[in-house]
Structure formats: C-alpha cells, structure tokens
Amino acid sequence: MKLVTNFLIVYIFLTTSSFSNEKMLKKGEQIFYGKASCYNCHMLNAADGNKRDMDVKRVIEVVTHGYGVMPAYKDVLSKEDIIAVATYISKVSKNWKNKLSSFVQ
C-alpha cells in the first residue's frame, strides 16, 4: 500500500509539468461533482468552523483504498483521476465535512 501511495505522489510531480495545475484542478472538480459523485456524501468549504485541510497524500490513500464506510475507488477511477480529485480536494478544502453525521472523516 505504501508503495502504491509513494508511486502516486511521484506520479503527481512527474505529470504536473505536462498536465498543468489548472487543468488538474478542473479535472478534479469534474470528478468530485460528476464522475465519482463525491459531493453526494462530502462537502468542501463547509461553514461549520471545522478547520481541516486535506493532505493530497492522505486523500489519494483514502480514495484509492477506501476508509470507514467509504468504498475504494481504485477500480472505478484511473490513477490520473484519483490524483486529479485528490489535488482538487487538497487545494479547495478549507473546511471538510461529511453530509451525513454517521460518516467519520
């Protein structure tokens, strides 16, 4: 698992020169609100006062392997998609909140 995570982190740095950060963020946003429907369970920038910045490495790990009741997306999203959505979440999540209180993040 650590090897996969480290591979993905290296992949981010190797691909950012050819796949601009702006394009990466846009793709991540499209995945968050569209393809993966992350917004069904998660909110970004929630006005609940919970200051929780999401580390890109942690988001990649959770999206890839799942966490708690959240399923793994390694068979649903490509590695590039996972990196894009993780980059988007880590950049825009000032306050992170799950829509359902039974979810633990």
C-alpha atoms as a PDB file:
ATOM      1  CA  MET A   1       0.000   0.000   0.000  1.00  0.00           C
ATOM      2  CA  LYS A   2       2.815   2.383   0.866  1.00  0.00           C
ATOM      3  CA  LEU A   3       4.497   1.589  -2.445  1.00  0.00           C
ATOM      4  CA  VAL A   4       1.332   2.466  -4.381  1.00  0.00           C
ATOM      5  CA  THR A   5       0.889   5.704  -2.441  1.00  0.00           C
ATOM      6  CA  ASN A   6       4.515   6.689  -2.994  1.00  0.00           C
ATOM      7  CA  PHE A   7       4.183   5.865  -6.693  1.00  0.00           C
ATOM      8  CA  LEU A   8       1.151   8.120  -6.951  1.00  0.00           C
ATOM      9  CA  ILE A   9       2.917  11.001  -5.192  1.00  0.00           C
ATOM     10  CA  VAL A  10       5.870  10.704  -7.567  1.00  0.00           C
ATOM     11  CA  TYR A  11       3.434  10.499 -10.474  1.00  0.00           C
ATOM     12  CA  ILE A  12       1.910  13.837  -9.417  1.00  0.00           C
ATOM     13  CA  PHE A  13       5.244  15.591  -9.594  1.00  0.00           C
ATOM     14  CA  LEU A  14       6.228  13.982 -12.885  1.00  0.00           C
ATOM     15  CA  THR A  15       2.959  14.808 -14.608  1.00  0.00           C
ATOM     16  CA  THR A  16       2.394  18.342 -13.369  1.00  0.00           C
ATOM     17  CA  SER A  17       4.779  19.761 -15.948  1.00  0.00           C
ATOM     18  CA  SER A  18       2.839  18.257 -18.858  1.00  0.00           C
ATOM     19  CA  PHE A  19      -0.612  18.458 -17.269  1.00  0.00           C
ATOM     20  CA  SER A  20      -0.911  21.982 -15.868  1.00  0.00           C
ATOM     21  CA  ASN A  21      -2.084  22.504 -12.320  1.00  0.00           C
ATOM     22  CA  GLU A  22      -5.107  24.470 -13.543  1.00  0.00           C
ATOM     23  CA  LYS A  23      -6.184  21.610 -15.807  1.00  0.00           C
ATOM     24  CA  MET A  24      -5.572  19.139 -12.968  1.00  0.00           C
ATOM     25  CA  LEU A  25      -7.802  21.172 -10.634  1.00  0.00           C
ATOM     26  CA  LYS A  26     -10.546  21.447 -13.255  1.00  0.00           C
ATOM     27  CA  LYS A  27     -10.445  17.713 -13.912  1.00  0.00           C
ATOM     28  CA  GLY A  28     -10.529  17.034 -10.165  1.00  0.00           C
ATOM     29  CA  GLU A  29     -13.548  19.305  -9.769  1.00  0.00           C
ATOM     30  CA  GLN A  30     -15.349  17.490 -12.586  1.00  0.00           C
ATOM     31  CA  ILE A  31     -14.658  14.147 -10.932  1.00  0.00           C
ATOM     32  CA  PHE A  32     -15.722  15.413  -7.483  1.00  0.00           C
ATOM     33  CA  TYR A  33     -19.058  16.767  -8.732  1.00  0.00           C
ATOM     34  CA  GLY A  34     -19.593  14.399 -11.656  1.00  0.00           C
ATOM     35  CA  LYS A  35     -17.932  11.079 -12.397  1.00  0.00           C
ATOM     36  CA  ALA A  36     -17.361   9.972  -8.792  1.00  0.00           C
ATOM     37  CA  SER A  37     -20.221  11.978  -7.243  1.00  0.00           C
ATOM     38  CA  CYS A  38     -18.135  12.691  -4.144  1.00  0.00           C
ATOM     39  CA  TYR A  39     -20.413  15.620  -3.346  1.00  0.00           C
ATOM     40  CA  ASN A  40     -23.231  13.188  -2.509  1.00  0.00           C
ATOM     41  CA  CYS A  41     -21.517  12.463   0.817  1.00  0.00           C
ATOM     42  CA  HIS A  42     -18.904  15.191   1.202  1.00  0.00           C
ATOM     43  CA  MET A  43     -18.927  18.990   1.265  1.00  0.00           C
ATOM     44  CA  LEU A  44     -15.981  21.277   0.708  1.00  0.00           C
ATOM     45  CA  ASN A  45     -15.647  24.609   2.491  1.00  0.00           C
ATOM     46  CA  ALA A  46     -18.497  23.786   4.873  1.00  0.00           C
ATOM     47  CA  ALA A  47     -19.448  26.595   7.186  1.00  0.00           C
ATOM     48  CA  ASP A  48     -19.144  24.522  10.336  1.00  0.00           C
ATOM     49  CA  GLY A  49     -15.941  26.057  11.681  1.00  0.00           C
ATOM     50  CA  ASN A  50     -14.078  22.758  11.367  1.00  0.00           C
ATOM     51  CA  LYS A  51     -10.624  23.697  10.074  1.00  0.00           C
ATOM     52  CA  ARG A  52      -9.374  20.602   8.305  1.00  0.00           C
ATOM     53  CA  ASP A  53      -7.006  20.900   5.386  1.00  0.00           C
ATOM     54  CA  MET A  54      -6.804  17.678   3.443  1.00  0.00           C
ATOM     55  CA  ASP A  55      -3.310  16.464   2.605  1.00  0.00           C
ATOM     56  CA  VAL A  56      -3.073  15.244  -1.006  1.00  0.00           C
ATOM     57  CA  LYS A  57      -1.222  12.075   0.038  1.00  0.00           C
ATOM     58  CA  ARG A  58      -3.955  11.190   2.548  1.00  0.00           C
ATOM     59  CA  VAL A  59      -6.736  11.893   0.024  1.00  0.00           C
ATOM     60  CA  ILE A  60      -5.043   9.640  -2.548  1.00  0.00           C
ATOM     61  CA  GLU A  61      -4.814   6.870   0.050  1.00  0.00           C
ATOM     62  CA  VAL A  62      -8.478   7.204   1.103  1.00  0.00           C
ATOM     63  CA  VAL A  63      -9.850   7.464  -2.441  1.00  0.00           C
ATOM     64  CA  THR A  64      -7.720   4.546  -3.619  1.00  0.00           C
ATOM     65  CA  HIS A  65      -8.316   2.148  -0.718  1.00  0.00           C
ATOM     66  CA  GLY A  66     -11.455   3.473   0.970  1.00  0.00           C
ATOM     67  CA  TYR A  67     -11.939   4.434   4.617  1.00  0.00           C
ATOM     68  CA  GLY A  68     -14.686   3.532   7.062  1.00  0.00           C
ATOM     69  CA  VAL A  69     -17.916   3.325   5.084  1.00  0.00           C
ATOM     70  CA  MET A  70     -16.356   4.968   2.023  1.00  0.00           C
ATOM     71  CA  PRO A  71     -15.585   2.382  -0.666  1.00  0.00           C
ATOM     72  CA  ALA A  72     -12.288   2.158  -2.534  1.00  0.00           C
ATOM     73  CA  TYR A  73     -12.251   3.793  -5.964  1.00  0.00           C
ATOM     74  CA  LYS A  74      -9.117   2.092  -7.331  1.00  0.00           C
ATOM     75  CA  ASP A  75     -11.266   0.004  -9.672  1.00  0.00           C
ATOM     76  CA  VAL A  76     -13.576   2.903 -10.566  1.00  0.00           C
ATOM     77  CA  LEU A  77     -11.194   5.805 -11.233  1.00  0.00           C
ATOM     78  CA  SER A  78      -7.898   5.780 -13.116  1.00  0.00           C
ATOM     79  CA  LYS A  79      -4.712   6.716 -11.245  1.00  0.00           C
ATOM     80  CA  GLU A  80      -4.774  10.052 -13.059  1.00  0.00           C
ATOM     81  CA  ASP A  81      -8.390  10.627 -11.962  1.00  0.00           C
ATOM     82  CA  ILE A  82      -7.530   9.825  -8.339  1.00  0.00           C
ATOM     83  CA  ILE A  83      -4.591  12.218  -8.417  1.00  0.00           C
ATOM     84  CA  ALA A  84      -6.743  14.923 -10.009  1.00  0.00           C
ATOM     85  CA  VAL A  85      -9.562  14.650  -7.460  1.00  0.00           C
ATOM     86  CA  ALA A  86      -7.061  14.455  -4.583  1.00  0.00           C
ATOM     87  CA  THR A  87      -5.300  17.563  -5.869  1.00  0.00           C
ATOM     88  CA  TYR A  88      -8.622  19.384  -6.170  1.00  0.00           C
ATOM     89  CA  ILE A  89      -9.747  18.391  -2.671  1.00  0.00           C
ATOM     90  CA  SER A  90      -6.429  19.312  -1.067  1.00  0.00           C
ATOM     91  CA  LYS A  91      -6.436  22.724  -2.746  1.00  0.00           C
ATOM     92  CA  VAL A  92     -10.019  23.785  -2.081  1.00  0.00           C
ATOM     93  CA  SER A  93     -10.868  22.105   1.209  1.00  0.00           C
ATOM     94  CA  LYS A  94     -10.554  24.729   3.892  1.00  0.00           C
ATOM     95  CA  ASN A  95     -13.242  23.062   5.948  1.00  0.00           C
ATOM     96  CA  TRP A  96     -14.128  19.471   5.226  1.00  0.00           C
ATOM     97  CA  LYS A  97     -17.411  17.980   6.295  1.00  0.00           C
ATOM     98  CA  ASN A  98     -19.383  14.884   5.558  1.00  0.00           C
ATOM     99  CA  LYS A  99     -23.057  15.461   4.822  1.00  0.00           C
ATOM    100  CA  LEU A 100     -24.110  12.533   6.949  1.00  0.00           C
ATOM    101  CA  SER A 101     -23.130  12.693  10.603  1.00  0.00           C
ATOM    102  CA  SER A 102     -22.740   8.923  10.730  1.00  0.00           C
ATOM    103  CA  PHE A 103     -19.713   9.186   8.450  1.00  0.00           C
ATOM    104  CA  VAL A 104     -16.356   9.639  10.085  1.00  0.00           C
ATOM    105  CA  GLN A 105     -13.693  11.574   8.220  1.00  0.00           C
END
